[in-house]
C-alpha cells in the first residue's frame, strides 16, 4: 500500500499530434512533485485502433476510479473527453489540480 496521492493526467488528445510528449512531460512534473501518476495517453495508446471515443471514455473513467485526483493540462476545456473526465472527477469528489 502506498501513501502517495495517485493523479490522473487529463488534457486534449483528439486532433493533436504531440499529446504523447505533452502527457509524458506532465507525468514527469507530477512525479517530481511526489505524486503517483496515471498517464492515460500512454495507456490508451495500446487499445485497438477500432476503439471508439465512448469506449475510450469507459476506460478513462475506470482509471479515474483508482485515482485520488485529476491534473488538468492547459487547453483541457477544448477537449470533450477532458471536460467529461473533469465532470466525472468532480462528481467523485477527487482532488482537482490545474497546470
N, C-alpha and C. Protein backbone atom coordinates (compact mmCIF):
# COMPACT_ATOMS: atom_id res chain seq x y z
N UNK A 1 0.84 -1.19 0.00
CA UNK A 1 0.00 0.00 0.00
C UNK A 1 0.89 1.25 0.00
N UNK A 2 0.50 2.24 -0.77
CA UNK A 2 1.28 3.46 -0.89
C UNK A 2 0.56 4.62 -0.21
N UNK A 3 1.33 5.56 0.28
CA UNK A 3 0.72 6.75 0.86
C UNK A 3 0.77 7.93 -0.11
N UNK A 4 1.25 7.69 -1.32
CA UNK A 4 1.30 8.74 -2.33
C UNK A 4 -0.09 8.97 -2.90
N UNK A 5 -0.36 10.21 -3.26
CA UNK A 5 -1.61 10.57 -3.92
C UNK A 5 -1.48 10.18 -5.38
N UNK A 6 -2.47 9.45 -5.88
CA UNK A 6 -2.47 8.99 -7.27
C UNK A 6 -3.25 9.99 -8.12
N UNK A 7 -2.59 10.52 -9.15
CA UNK A 7 -3.15 11.56 -10.00
C UNK A 7 -3.30 11.07 -11.44
N UNK A 8 -4.46 11.36 -12.02
CA UNK A 8 -4.78 11.06 -13.41
C UNK A 8 -4.51 12.32 -14.23
N UNK A 9 -3.76 12.21 -15.31
CA UNK A 9 -3.48 13.36 -16.18
C UNK A 9 -4.58 13.47 -17.23
N UNK A 10 -5.10 14.68 -17.41
CA UNK A 10 -6.17 14.90 -18.38
C UNK A 10 -5.81 16.09 -19.27
N UNK A 11 -6.10 15.94 -20.55
CA UNK A 11 -5.84 17.03 -21.49
C UNK A 11 -6.29 16.65 -22.89
N UNK A 12 -6.09 17.55 -23.80
CA UNK A 12 -6.53 17.35 -25.19
C UNK A 12 -5.66 16.31 -25.89
N UNK A 13 -6.32 15.31 -26.46
CA UNK A 13 -5.63 14.28 -27.24
C UNK A 13 -6.13 14.32 -28.69
N UNK A 14 -7.44 14.22 -28.87
CA UNK A 14 -8.03 14.17 -30.21
C UNK A 14 -7.68 15.44 -30.99
N UNK A 15 -7.20 15.25 -32.20
CA UNK A 15 -6.86 16.38 -33.06
C UNK A 15 -5.47 16.95 -32.82
N UNK A 16 -4.68 16.30 -31.97
CA UNK A 16 -3.31 16.77 -31.73
C UNK A 16 -2.32 15.68 -32.14
N UNK A 17 -1.12 16.06 -32.41
CA UNK A 17 -0.09 15.09 -32.78
C UNK A 17 1.00 14.99 -31.71
N UNK A 18 1.01 15.92 -30.75
CA UNK A 18 2.07 15.95 -29.75
C UNK A 18 1.60 15.51 -28.36
N UNK A 19 0.45 14.84 -28.30
CA UNK A 19 -0.12 14.53 -26.98
C UNK A 19 0.76 13.61 -26.15
N UNK A 20 1.44 12.65 -26.78
CA UNK A 20 2.28 11.73 -26.00
C UNK A 20 3.39 12.53 -25.29
N UNK A 21 4.05 13.42 -26.00
CA UNK A 21 5.13 14.20 -25.36
C UNK A 21 4.57 15.14 -24.30
N UNK A 22 3.41 15.76 -24.54
CA UNK A 22 2.83 16.66 -23.55
C UNK A 22 2.43 15.90 -22.28
N UNK A 23 1.80 14.74 -22.45
CA UNK A 23 1.38 13.94 -21.30
C UNK A 23 2.60 13.39 -20.55
N UNK A 24 3.63 12.96 -21.29
CA UNK A 24 4.84 12.46 -20.64
C UNK A 24 5.53 13.56 -19.85
N UNK A 25 5.56 14.77 -20.39
CA UNK A 25 6.15 15.91 -19.67
C UNK A 25 5.37 16.17 -18.38
N UNK A 26 4.04 16.16 -18.48
CA UNK A 26 3.21 16.37 -17.29
C UNK A 26 3.43 15.25 -16.27
N UNK A 27 3.59 14.02 -16.76
CA UNK A 27 3.84 12.89 -15.86
C UNK A 27 5.13 13.10 -15.07
N UNK A 28 6.18 13.50 -15.74
CA UNK A 28 7.46 13.74 -15.07
C UNK A 28 7.32 14.85 -14.04
N UNK A 29 6.63 15.93 -14.40
CA UNK A 29 6.42 17.04 -13.47
C UNK A 29 5.67 16.58 -12.22
N UNK A 30 4.63 15.77 -12.41
CA UNK A 30 3.83 15.31 -11.27
C UNK A 30 4.62 14.32 -10.41
N UNK A 31 5.40 13.45 -11.03
CA UNK A 31 6.25 12.53 -10.27
C UNK A 31 7.26 13.31 -9.44
N UNK A 32 7.83 14.36 -10.04
CA UNK A 32 8.81 15.19 -9.32
C UNK A 32 8.18 15.93 -8.14
N UNK A 33 6.86 16.11 -8.18
CA UNK A 33 6.15 16.74 -7.06
C UNK A 33 5.70 15.71 -6.03
N UNK A 34 6.02 14.43 -6.28
CA UNK A 34 5.73 13.40 -5.30
C UNK A 34 4.45 12.61 -5.51
N UNK A 35 3.81 12.79 -6.66
CA UNK A 35 2.58 12.07 -6.95
C UNK A 35 2.87 10.74 -7.63
N UNK A 36 1.96 9.81 -7.45
CA UNK A 36 1.94 8.60 -8.26
C UNK A 36 1.02 8.92 -9.43
N UNK A 37 1.43 8.62 -10.65
CA UNK A 37 0.74 9.14 -11.83
C UNK A 37 0.13 8.05 -12.69
N UNK A 38 -1.09 8.33 -13.15
CA UNK A 38 -1.75 7.52 -14.18
C UNK A 38 -1.77 8.37 -15.44
N UNK A 39 -1.05 7.91 -16.46
CA UNK A 39 -0.93 8.64 -17.73
C UNK A 39 -1.76 7.92 -18.78
N UNK A 40 -2.99 8.39 -19.04
CA UNK A 40 -3.86 7.70 -19.99
C UNK A 40 -3.36 7.76 -21.42
N UNK A 41 -2.57 8.75 -21.76
CA UNK A 41 -2.09 8.86 -23.14
C UNK A 41 -1.25 7.64 -23.52
N UNK A 42 -0.42 7.19 -22.62
CA UNK A 42 0.40 6.03 -22.92
C UNK A 42 -0.39 4.73 -22.76
N UNK A 43 -1.31 4.71 -21.81
CA UNK A 43 -2.10 3.50 -21.58
C UNK A 43 -3.12 3.27 -22.71
N UNK A 44 -3.85 4.31 -23.06
CA UNK A 44 -4.90 4.18 -24.07
C UNK A 44 -4.33 3.97 -25.46
N UNK A 45 -3.08 4.33 -25.65
CA UNK A 45 -2.41 4.15 -26.93
C UNK A 45 -2.29 2.67 -27.30
N UNK A 46 -2.44 1.79 -26.32
CA UNK A 46 -2.32 0.35 -26.55
C UNK A 46 -3.65 -0.33 -26.87
N UNK A 47 -4.74 0.44 -26.88
CA UNK A 47 -6.04 -0.13 -27.22
C UNK A 47 -6.15 -0.33 -28.73
N UNK A 48 -7.05 -1.20 -29.17
CA UNK A 48 -7.21 -1.43 -30.61
C UNK A 48 -7.54 -0.14 -31.37
N UNK A 49 -7.11 -0.05 -32.60
CA UNK A 49 -7.36 1.16 -33.40
C UNK A 49 -8.84 1.38 -33.66
N UNK A 50 -9.64 0.33 -33.53
CA UNK A 50 -11.09 0.46 -33.75
C UNK A 50 -11.84 0.94 -32.51
N UNK A 51 -11.12 1.20 -31.41
CA UNK A 51 -11.76 1.66 -30.18
C UNK A 51 -12.45 3.00 -30.42
N UNK A 52 -13.70 3.10 -30.00
CA UNK A 52 -14.47 4.34 -30.19
C UNK A 52 -14.18 5.31 -29.04
N UNK A 53 -14.56 6.57 -29.24
CA UNK A 53 -14.39 7.58 -28.20
C UNK A 53 -15.16 7.17 -26.94
N UNK A 54 -16.36 6.65 -27.11
CA UNK A 54 -17.17 6.20 -25.97
C UNK A 54 -16.45 5.08 -25.20
N UNK A 55 -15.82 4.17 -25.92
CA UNK A 55 -15.07 3.09 -25.28
C UNK A 55 -13.83 3.62 -24.56
N UNK A 56 -13.15 4.58 -25.19
CA UNK A 56 -12.01 5.22 -24.53
C UNK A 56 -12.46 5.85 -23.21
N UNK A 57 -13.62 6.51 -23.24
CA UNK A 57 -14.10 7.16 -22.03
C UNK A 57 -14.42 6.15 -20.93
N UNK A 58 -14.95 4.99 -21.29
CA UNK A 58 -15.21 3.96 -20.28
C UNK A 58 -13.90 3.56 -19.58
N UNK A 59 -12.85 3.40 -20.37
CA UNK A 59 -11.54 3.05 -19.80
C UNK A 59 -11.03 4.22 -18.95
N UNK A 60 -11.19 5.44 -19.43
CA UNK A 60 -10.74 6.62 -18.69
C UNK A 60 -11.44 6.72 -17.34
N UNK A 61 -12.75 6.46 -17.32
CA UNK A 61 -13.49 6.51 -16.05
C UNK A 61 -12.99 5.43 -15.09
N UNK A 62 -12.68 4.24 -15.60
CA UNK A 62 -12.14 3.17 -14.76
C UNK A 62 -10.79 3.59 -14.17
N UNK A 63 -9.97 4.24 -14.98
CA UNK A 63 -8.68 4.72 -14.48
C UNK A 63 -8.88 5.82 -13.44
N UNK A 64 -9.83 6.70 -13.66
CA UNK A 64 -10.12 7.74 -12.67
C UNK A 64 -10.61 7.14 -11.35
N UNK A 65 -11.31 6.02 -11.44
CA UNK A 65 -11.83 5.36 -10.23
C UNK A 65 -10.72 4.90 -9.29
N UNK A 66 -9.53 4.68 -9.82
CA UNK A 66 -8.43 4.22 -8.97
C UNK A 66 -7.51 5.38 -8.54
N UNK A 67 -7.93 6.61 -8.86
CA UNK A 67 -7.12 7.78 -8.56
C UNK A 67 -7.73 8.62 -7.44
N UNK A 68 -6.87 9.45 -6.85
CA UNK A 68 -7.29 10.39 -5.81
C UNK A 68 -7.59 11.77 -6.37
N UNK A 69 -7.08 12.03 -7.57
CA UNK A 69 -7.24 13.36 -8.14
C UNK A 69 -6.99 13.35 -9.63
N UNK A 70 -7.22 14.52 -10.22
CA UNK A 70 -7.02 14.71 -11.66
C UNK A 70 -6.19 15.98 -11.86
N UNK A 71 -5.25 15.90 -12.81
CA UNK A 71 -4.41 17.04 -13.18
C UNK A 71 -4.83 17.47 -14.57
N UNK A 72 -5.36 18.68 -14.68
CA UNK A 72 -5.87 19.19 -15.95
C UNK A 72 -4.80 20.07 -16.61
N UNK A 73 -4.35 19.64 -17.78
CA UNK A 73 -3.33 20.38 -18.51
C UNK A 73 -3.96 21.57 -19.24
N UNK A 74 -3.11 22.56 -19.58
CA UNK A 74 -3.58 23.72 -20.33
C UNK A 74 -4.37 23.25 -21.55
N UNK A 75 -5.46 23.92 -21.84
CA UNK A 75 -6.27 23.59 -23.01
C UNK A 75 -7.28 22.49 -22.77
N UNK A 76 -7.41 22.00 -21.53
CA UNK A 76 -8.32 20.88 -21.27
C UNK A 76 -9.76 21.22 -21.61
N UNK A 77 -10.14 22.49 -21.49
CA UNK A 77 -11.53 22.88 -21.78
C UNK A 77 -11.86 22.74 -23.27
N UNK A 78 -10.84 22.62 -24.12
CA UNK A 78 -11.05 22.44 -25.56
C UNK A 78 -11.20 20.98 -25.95
N UNK A 79 -11.22 20.10 -24.95
CA UNK A 79 -11.31 18.66 -25.20
C UNK A 79 -12.61 18.12 -24.61
N UNK A 80 -13.43 17.53 -25.47
CA UNK A 80 -14.68 16.92 -24.99
C UNK A 80 -14.38 15.87 -23.93
N UNK A 81 -13.38 15.02 -24.19
CA UNK A 81 -13.02 13.97 -23.25
C UNK A 81 -12.53 14.50 -21.92
N UNK A 82 -11.67 15.51 -21.95
CA UNK A 82 -11.14 16.09 -20.72
C UNK A 82 -12.24 16.76 -19.90
N UNK A 83 -13.18 17.41 -20.56
CA UNK A 83 -14.31 18.02 -19.84
C UNK A 83 -15.15 16.93 -19.18
N UNK A 84 -15.38 15.82 -19.88
CA UNK A 84 -16.11 14.70 -19.29
C UNK A 84 -15.35 14.12 -18.10
N UNK A 85 -14.03 14.01 -18.22
CA UNK A 85 -13.20 13.50 -17.12
C UNK A 85 -13.26 14.44 -15.93
N UNK A 86 -13.21 15.74 -16.19
CA UNK A 86 -13.31 16.74 -15.12
C UNK A 86 -14.65 16.59 -14.39
N UNK A 87 -15.73 16.52 -15.15
CA UNK A 87 -17.06 16.37 -14.54
C UNK A 87 -17.14 15.10 -13.70
N UNK A 88 -16.58 14.01 -14.22
CA UNK A 88 -16.58 12.73 -13.51
C UNK A 88 -15.78 12.85 -12.21
N UNK A 89 -14.60 13.46 -12.29
CA UNK A 89 -13.75 13.64 -11.10
C UNK A 89 -14.44 14.53 -10.07
N UNK A 90 -15.10 15.57 -10.54
CA UNK A 90 -15.82 16.48 -9.65
C UNK A 90 -16.94 15.73 -8.92
N UNK A 91 -17.71 14.94 -9.68
CA UNK A 91 -18.79 14.15 -9.09
C UNK A 91 -18.28 13.15 -8.06
N UNK A 92 -17.06 12.62 -8.28
CA UNK A 92 -16.48 11.64 -7.36
C UNK A 92 -15.77 12.30 -6.17
N UNK A 93 -15.67 13.61 -6.18
CA UNK A 93 -15.02 14.32 -5.09
C UNK A 93 -13.50 14.22 -5.11
N UNK A 94 -12.93 14.00 -6.31
CA UNK A 94 -11.49 13.89 -6.42
C UNK A 94 -10.81 15.26 -6.30
N UNK A 95 -9.56 15.27 -5.92
CA UNK A 95 -8.74 16.48 -5.89
C UNK A 95 -8.59 16.96 -7.33
N UNK A 96 -8.74 18.26 -7.55
CA UNK A 96 -8.59 18.85 -8.88
C UNK A 96 -7.36 19.73 -8.88
N UNK A 97 -6.40 19.41 -9.75
CA UNK A 97 -5.19 20.21 -9.91
C UNK A 97 -5.14 20.75 -11.34
N UNK A 98 -4.59 21.94 -11.48
CA UNK A 98 -4.51 22.59 -12.79
C UNK A 98 -3.05 22.89 -13.14
N UNK A 99 -2.73 22.74 -14.42
CA UNK A 99 -1.40 23.12 -14.88
C UNK A 99 -1.26 24.63 -14.82
